[in-house]
Amino acid sequence: MRVMLITNPFATFTTAEGRDALANTLDSRFAVDVEHTTHRGHAGELGTRAVNEGYDAVVVHGGDGSVNEVANGMLGAPDSPAPDPATLPALGVVPGGSANVFARALGISRDPLTATAQLMELLDAGARRSISLGHALNRWFLFTAGMGTDAIVIRRMEELRHAGRRATAGLYLRVTLGAFFRPQVTPPTFTVEVPDRGPVDGVRFGFVSNTGPWTYLGSRPIRTNPRTDFDTGLGVFAATSMSVPRNLRLGSKLLRGADPTASHVYRDDDVEWVRFHSDEPADFQMDGDYLGRFTDIEFGNRRGVLDVVAPPEAG
């Protein structure tokens, strides 16, 4: 089996020793070519090359942003004909970022050593699981995209990382709370549309999910759409209020794993498309990557578009 191992040396929780140990472990059983990313977009270029050169699997050791790039490189743009997943390398992940939402949602351990052992067993067995992906702005997303407050949080986290701060669950929580208690930027309102219902106006922040965990706080999954997973359509979560008391109650439900219902929240699951419209440009993020400000975004979903190296169902 030919495996391309793509590592991101700039990922939050990777080390040179860990990357070497991973490469040596995989190389003990498979024919492994190691590639280190050197610039933004490089992981996508490597994903495309892995397809063109006929690799059996691609293993990414990095964060969600690196995995997103590789998946986009492997699949090409969503507005082009989708390749047959069986003709593509299977995509595996050894977590190396701060959240690793995609890998953990697939049932892969967040511990790199345990994840490596999992992947080797799955690769040996030829295990491939076909999953759906979302798309927007002619780009695939693996687990979530959002407009409004959560995108402002992502933008602020990227600013802090560029200033030398380490991305931790504690820092993420403090920045999130600050966006509600001490907002430096007030997001504009926008409208959310889904099939077969009227528009939801006055939305202050909204998420479109491709799977259940929206993110993780340490070991705790935060599920905005518990009935959305990799085998369904998209999940939608839209809040029409920035009220601190109302969102503290909502946040408490999310942290407890309770059904996140609230009078100011609209939710839907297994929808085929979603539209966000704002009269003013609003912040937007995809898979934890800040993409800028937009006024109109349409989201779609494609079933069974990517094969991953993962257990049949998340553990």
Protein backbone atom coordinates (compact mmCIF):
# COMPACT_ATOMS: atom_id res chain seq x y z
CA MET A 1 0.00 0.00 0.00
CA ARG A 2 1.33 3.43 -0.99
CA VAL A 3 0.67 6.13 1.59
CA MET A 4 1.41 9.83 1.38
CA LEU A 5 1.98 11.29 4.85
CA ILE A 6 1.38 15.05 4.89
CA THR A 7 2.57 16.82 8.02
CA ASN A 8 2.16 20.44 9.03
CA PRO A 9 5.22 21.47 11.06
CA PHE A 10 3.39 24.63 12.15
CA ALA A 11 0.37 22.81 13.65
CA THR A 12 -0.27 23.62 17.30
CA PHE A 13 0.47 20.23 18.83
CA THR A 14 3.05 18.63 16.54
CA THR A 15 6.75 18.21 17.25
CA ALA A 16 9.67 17.16 15.09
CA GLU A 17 10.12 14.04 17.24
CA GLY A 18 6.44 13.16 16.96
CA ARG A 19 6.43 13.63 13.19
CA ASP A 20 9.51 11.43 12.81
CA ALA A 21 8.02 8.73 15.05
CA LEU A 22 4.78 8.75 13.04
CA ALA A 23 6.63 8.48 9.73
CA ASN A 24 8.83 5.63 11.00
CA THR A 25 5.86 3.75 12.44
CA LEU A 26 3.86 3.96 9.23
CA ASP A 27 6.93 3.14 7.14
CA SER A 28 7.41 -0.09 9.08
CA ARG A 29 4.29 -1.49 7.42
CA PHE A 30 3.54 0.58 4.32
CA ALA A 31 5.39 2.32 1.49
CA VAL A 32 5.33 5.87 2.87
CA ASP A 33 6.32 9.15 1.23
CA VAL A 34 6.58 12.03 3.71
CA GLU A 35 5.69 15.57 2.67
CA HIS A 36 6.00 18.64 4.93
CA THR A 37 3.81 21.64 4.14
CA THR A 38 5.70 24.89 3.69
CA HIS A 39 3.05 27.48 2.82
CA ARG A 40 -0.67 28.16 2.84
CA GLY A 41 -2.37 26.02 0.19
CA HIS A 42 0.53 23.54 0.01
CA ALA A 43 -1.53 20.77 1.65
CA GLY A 44 -4.13 21.16 -1.11
CA GLU A 45 -1.44 20.90 -3.77
CA LEU A 46 -0.18 17.69 -2.16
CA GLY A 47 -3.71 16.28 -2.03
CA THR A 48 -4.06 16.85 -5.77
CA ARG A 49 -0.69 15.22 -6.38
CA ALA A 50 -1.66 12.18 -4.31
CA VAL A 51 -4.68 11.65 -6.58
CA ASN A 52 -2.71 12.14 -9.78
CA GLU A 53 0.04 9.76 -8.68
CA GLY A 54 -2.34 7.00 -7.59
CA TYR A 55 -1.67 6.75 -3.86
CA ASP A 56 -3.88 4.33 -1.93
CA ALA A 57 -4.21 6.59 1.13
CA VAL A 58 -3.30 10.06 2.34
CA VAL A 59 -2.64 10.54 6.06
CA VAL A 60 -2.63 14.11 7.38
CA HIS A 61 -0.85 14.97 10.62
CA GLY A 62 -2.04 18.46 11.45
CA GLY A 63 -5.09 20.46 12.38
CA ASP A 64 -8.50 20.82 10.77
CA GLY A 65 -7.25 23.50 8.38
CA SER A 66 -4.65 21.15 6.89
CA VAL A 67 -7.21 18.35 6.51
CA ASN A 68 -9.63 20.76 4.82
CA GLU A 69 -6.93 21.80 2.33
CA VAL A 70 -6.05 18.20 1.50
CA ALA A 71 -9.70 17.21 0.98
CA ASN A 72 -10.23 20.18 -1.35
CA GLY A 73 -7.09 19.29 -3.27
CA MET A 74 -8.19 15.69 -3.67
CA LEU A 75 -11.76 16.45 -4.76
CA GLY A 76 -11.38 19.58 -6.85
CA ALA A 77 -13.93 22.39 -6.83
CA PRO A 78 -17.54 21.49 -5.95
CA ASP A 79 -18.82 23.03 -9.19
CA SER A 80 -16.84 20.47 -11.22
CA PRO A 81 -17.90 16.83 -11.76
CA ALA A 82 -17.25 14.83 -8.60
CA PRO A 83 -14.77 11.96 -8.98
CA ASP A 84 -15.78 8.46 -7.90
CA PRO A 85 -14.58 8.16 -4.27
CA ALA A 86 -13.40 4.62 -4.96
CA THR A 87 -10.85 5.99 -7.44
CA LEU A 88 -9.36 8.40 -4.88
CA PRO A 89 -6.97 7.76 -2.01
CA ALA A 90 -8.69 7.24 1.33
CA LEU A 91 -8.13 10.16 3.71
CA GLY A 92 -6.85 9.49 7.23
CA VAL A 93 -5.98 11.89 10.04
CA VAL A 94 -3.55 11.82 12.96
CA PRO A 95 -4.59 14.83 15.07
CA GLY A 96 -2.02 17.59 15.47
CA GLY A 97 -4.10 20.74 15.91
CA SER A 98 -5.81 22.35 18.87
CA ALA A 99 -9.37 21.09 18.27
CA ASN A 100 -9.15 18.26 15.68
CA VAL A 101 -12.94 18.28 15.29
CA PHE A 102 -13.03 16.28 12.06
CA ALA A 103 -10.88 13.39 13.25
CA ARG A 104 -12.63 13.13 16.60
CA ALA A 105 -16.07 13.24 14.96
CA LEU A 106 -14.95 10.24 12.88
CA GLY A 107 -14.05 8.30 16.02
CA ILE A 108 -10.28 8.83 15.80
CA SER A 109 -8.51 9.34 19.12
CA ARG A 110 -7.13 12.80 19.79
CA ASP A 111 -3.96 11.17 21.17
CA PRO A 112 -1.53 10.90 18.22
CA LEU A 113 -0.05 7.56 19.35
CA THR A 114 -3.46 5.95 19.78
CA ALA A 115 -4.66 7.49 16.51
CA THR A 116 -1.62 6.07 14.68
CA ALA A 117 -2.37 2.58 15.99
CA GLN A 118 -6.02 2.97 14.94
CA LEU A 119 -5.08 4.07 11.44
CA MET A 120 -2.58 1.26 10.93
CA GLU A 121 -5.17 -1.32 11.90
CA LEU A 122 -7.78 0.29 9.63
CA LEU A 123 -5.33 0.60 6.72
CA ASP A 124 -4.33 -3.05 7.14
CA ALA A 125 -7.99 -4.03 6.98
CA GLY A 126 -8.63 -1.84 3.93
CA ALA A 127 -11.35 -0.01 5.87
CA ARG A 128 -12.94 2.91 4.00
CA ARG A 129 -16.00 4.85 5.12
CA SER A 130 -17.85 7.06 2.66
CA ILE A 131 -19.02 10.42 4.07
CA SER A 132 -20.90 13.48 2.90
CA LEU A 133 -19.38 16.96 2.76
CA GLY A 134 -20.79 20.46 2.73
CA HIS A 135 -19.72 23.17 0.34
CA ALA A 136 -19.89 26.96 0.04
CA LEU A 137 -17.97 29.58 -1.94
CA ASN A 138 -17.00 26.72 -4.29
CA ARG A 139 -15.03 25.07 -1.49
CA TRP A 140 -15.69 21.90 0.51
CA PHE A 141 -16.07 21.96 4.28
CA LEU A 142 -15.70 18.95 6.56
CA PHE A 143 -17.68 19.79 9.67
CA THR A 144 -18.90 23.38 10.00
CA ALA A 145 -19.14 26.86 8.54
CA GLY A 146 -20.48 29.94 10.29
CA MET A 147 -21.34 33.60 9.91
CA GLY A 148 -21.42 36.25 12.61
CA THR A 149 -20.07 35.94 16.13
CA ASP A 150 -18.33 32.57 15.78
CA ALA A 151 -16.44 33.85 12.72
CA ILE A 152 -15.42 36.94 14.70
CA VAL A 153 -14.06 34.58 17.38
CA ILE A 154 -12.08 32.65 14.75
CA ARG A 155 -10.70 35.92 13.35
CA ARG A 156 -9.64 37.03 16.84
CA MET A 157 -8.03 33.64 17.55
CA GLU A 158 -6.02 33.87 14.32
CA GLU A 159 -4.86 37.36 15.31
CA LEU A 160 -3.74 36.07 18.71
CA ARG A 161 -1.92 33.11 17.16
CA HIS A 162 -0.09 35.39 14.76
CA ALA A 163 0.92 37.45 17.80
CA GLY A 164 2.49 34.35 19.36
CA ARG A 165 -0.33 33.08 21.60
CA ARG A 166 -0.93 29.33 21.70
CA ALA A 167 -4.40 28.15 20.72
CA THR A 168 -5.81 26.35 23.76
CA ALA A 169 -9.34 25.45 24.85
CA GLY A 170 -9.07 28.03 27.64
CA LEU A 171 -8.06 30.83 25.28
CA TYR A 172 -10.84 29.90 22.87
CA LEU A 173 -13.40 29.99 25.71
CA ARG A 174 -12.16 33.41 26.91
CA VAL A 175 -12.32 34.88 23.41
CA THR A 176 -15.81 33.44 22.91
CA LEU A 177 -17.09 34.88 26.18
CA GLY A 178 -15.48 38.21 25.32
CA ALA A 179 -17.40 38.29 22.02
CA PHE A 180 -20.64 38.36 24.05
CA PHE A 181 -19.65 40.27 27.20
CA ARG A 182 -17.20 42.79 25.68
CA PRO A 183 -17.84 42.80 21.94
CA GLN A 184 -15.28 44.80 19.98
CA VAL A 185 -17.30 44.20 16.82
CA THR A 186 -21.08 43.88 16.64
CA PRO A 187 -21.99 41.52 13.80
CA PRO A 188 -24.66 42.69 11.35
CA THR A 189 -27.92 40.77 11.22
CA PHE A 190 -28.62 38.41 8.34
CA THR A 191 -31.36 36.18 6.97
CA VAL A 192 -31.30 32.38 6.83
CA GLU A 193 -33.26 30.43 4.24
CA VAL A 194 -33.77 26.66 4.01
CA PRO A 195 -36.08 24.53 1.83
CA ASP A 196 -39.83 24.51 2.48
CA ARG A 197 -40.08 27.27 5.08
CA GLY A 198 -40.11 31.03 5.31
CA PRO A 199 -36.92 33.04 5.88
CA VAL A 200 -35.54 33.51 9.39
CA ASP A 201 -34.73 37.22 9.76
CA GLY A 202 -32.61 39.07 12.28
CA VAL A 203 -30.02 36.31 12.77
CA ARG A 204 -26.94 37.43 14.73
CA PHE A 205 -24.89 34.26 14.37
CA GLY A 206 -25.48 31.01 12.50
CA PHE A 207 -23.79 27.70 11.81
CA VAL A 208 -24.17 25.17 9.02
CA SER A 209 -22.92 21.74 10.09
CA ASN A 210 -21.88 18.65 8.21
CA THR A 211 -21.71 16.52 11.37
CA GLY A 212 -22.85 16.57 15.01
CA PRO A 213 -20.00 18.06 17.05
CA TRP A 214 -19.74 21.75 16.14
CA THR A 215 -16.51 21.85 18.14
CA TYR A 216 -14.93 20.44 21.29
CA LEU A 217 -14.10 22.17 24.55
CA GLY A 218 -11.29 19.97 25.83
CA SER A 219 -12.77 16.47 25.82
CA ARG A 220 -16.36 17.73 25.76
CA PRO A 221 -18.21 17.72 22.40
CA ILE A 222 -20.37 20.78 21.72
CA ARG A 223 -23.30 19.64 19.58
CA THR A 224 -25.43 22.37 18.04
CA ASN A 225 -27.20 19.83 15.80
CA PRO A 226 -27.16 16.43 17.53
CA ARG A 227 -29.15 14.77 14.71
CA THR A 228 -26.72 15.80 11.97
CA ASP A 229 -23.90 13.42 11.00
CA PHE A 230 -21.69 12.40 8.08
CA ASP A 231 -24.52 10.38 6.53
CA THR A 232 -27.18 13.12 6.50
CA GLY A 233 -27.71 16.48 4.87
CA LEU A 234 -26.75 19.75 6.52
CA GLY A 235 -27.66 20.96 9.98
CA VAL A 236 -28.64 24.60 10.60
CA PHE A 237 -28.37 26.53 13.88
CA ALA A 238 -29.29 30.24 13.86
CA ALA A 239 -29.64 32.61 16.83
CA THR A 240 -31.51 35.91 16.63
CA SER A 241 -30.24 37.43 19.89
CA MET A 242 -26.91 38.43 21.40
CA SER A 243 -28.48 38.72 24.87
CA VAL A 244 -25.96 37.53 27.44
CA PRO A 245 -28.52 35.86 29.81
CA ARG A 246 -30.26 34.05 26.95
CA ASN A 247 -27.03 32.81 25.42
CA LEU A 248 -25.60 31.80 28.81
CA ARG A 249 -28.60 29.52 29.26
CA LEU A 250 -28.10 28.22 25.73
CA GLY A 251 -24.36 27.71 26.35
CA SER A 252 -25.12 25.80 29.54
CA LYS A 253 -27.28 23.37 27.55
CA LEU A 254 -24.54 22.92 24.96
CA LEU A 255 -21.95 22.21 27.66
CA ARG A 256 -24.25 19.70 29.40
CA GLY A 257 -25.04 17.90 26.16
CA ALA A 258 -28.75 18.76 26.52
CA ASP A 259 -30.92 19.45 23.48
CA PRO A 260 -29.93 23.06 22.63
CA THR A 261 -33.42 24.53 22.25
CA ALA A 262 -34.18 28.21 22.95
CA SER A 263 -36.82 30.71 21.91
CA HIS A 264 -34.24 32.75 19.98
CA VAL A 265 -32.75 29.74 18.12
CA TYR A 266 -33.88 28.18 14.86
CA ARG A 267 -32.60 24.68 14.15
CA ASP A 268 -33.08 22.19 11.35
CA ASP A 269 -31.40 18.94 10.30
CA ASP A 270 -30.86 16.97 7.10
CA VAL A 271 -31.45 19.89 4.72
CA GLU A 272 -30.07 19.97 1.19
CA TRP A 273 -29.23 23.66 0.97
CA VAL A 274 -29.02 26.80 3.12
CA ARG A 275 -28.66 30.48 2.21
CA PHE A 276 -27.29 33.32 4.32
CA HIS A 277 -27.96 36.91 3.23
CA SER A 278 -26.80 40.10 4.92
CA ASP A 279 -27.23 43.71 3.80
CA GLU A 280 -23.76 44.43 5.21
CA PRO A 281 -20.64 42.24 4.87
CA ALA A 282 -20.45 39.78 7.77
CA ASP A 283 -17.53 37.69 9.04
CA PHE A 284 -17.43 34.11 7.77
CA GLN A 285 -15.42 31.01 8.74
CA MET A 286 -15.19 27.48 7.39
CA ASP A 287 -13.74 24.55 9.38
CA GLY A 288 -12.16 27.03 11.77
CA ASP A 289 -10.48 29.02 8.99
CA TYR A 290 -11.42 32.70 8.73
CA LEU A 291 -12.31 33.56 5.12
CA GLY A 292 -13.35 37.22 5.27
CA ARG A 293 -16.64 39.14 5.06
CA PHE A 294 -19.51 38.32 2.72
CA THR A 295 -23.11 39.35 2.10
CA ASP A 296 -24.47 36.24 0.33
CA ILE A 297 -23.46 32.63 0.86
CA GLU A 298 -25.21 29.50 -0.39
CA PHE A 299 -24.42 26.12 1.16
CA GLY A 300 -24.93 22.72 -0.43
CA ASN A 301 -24.30 19.10 0.46
CA ARG A 302 -23.06 16.10 -1.48
CA ARG A 303 -23.57 12.59 -0.13
CA GLY A 304 -20.85 9.93 -0.18
CA VAL A 305 -18.29 12.18 -1.85
CA LEU A 306 -15.15 11.23 0.14
CA ASP A 307 -13.79 7.96 1.55
CA VAL A 308 -12.03 8.23 4.89
CA VAL A 309 -9.92 5.85 6.97
CA ALA A 310 -12.18 5.57 9.99
CA PRO A 311 -14.37 3.13 11.93
CA PRO A 312 -17.78 2.45 10.34
CA GLU A 313 -19.37 4.70 12.98
CA ALA A 314 -17.89 7.24 15.38
CA GLY A 315 -17.00 5.73 18.74
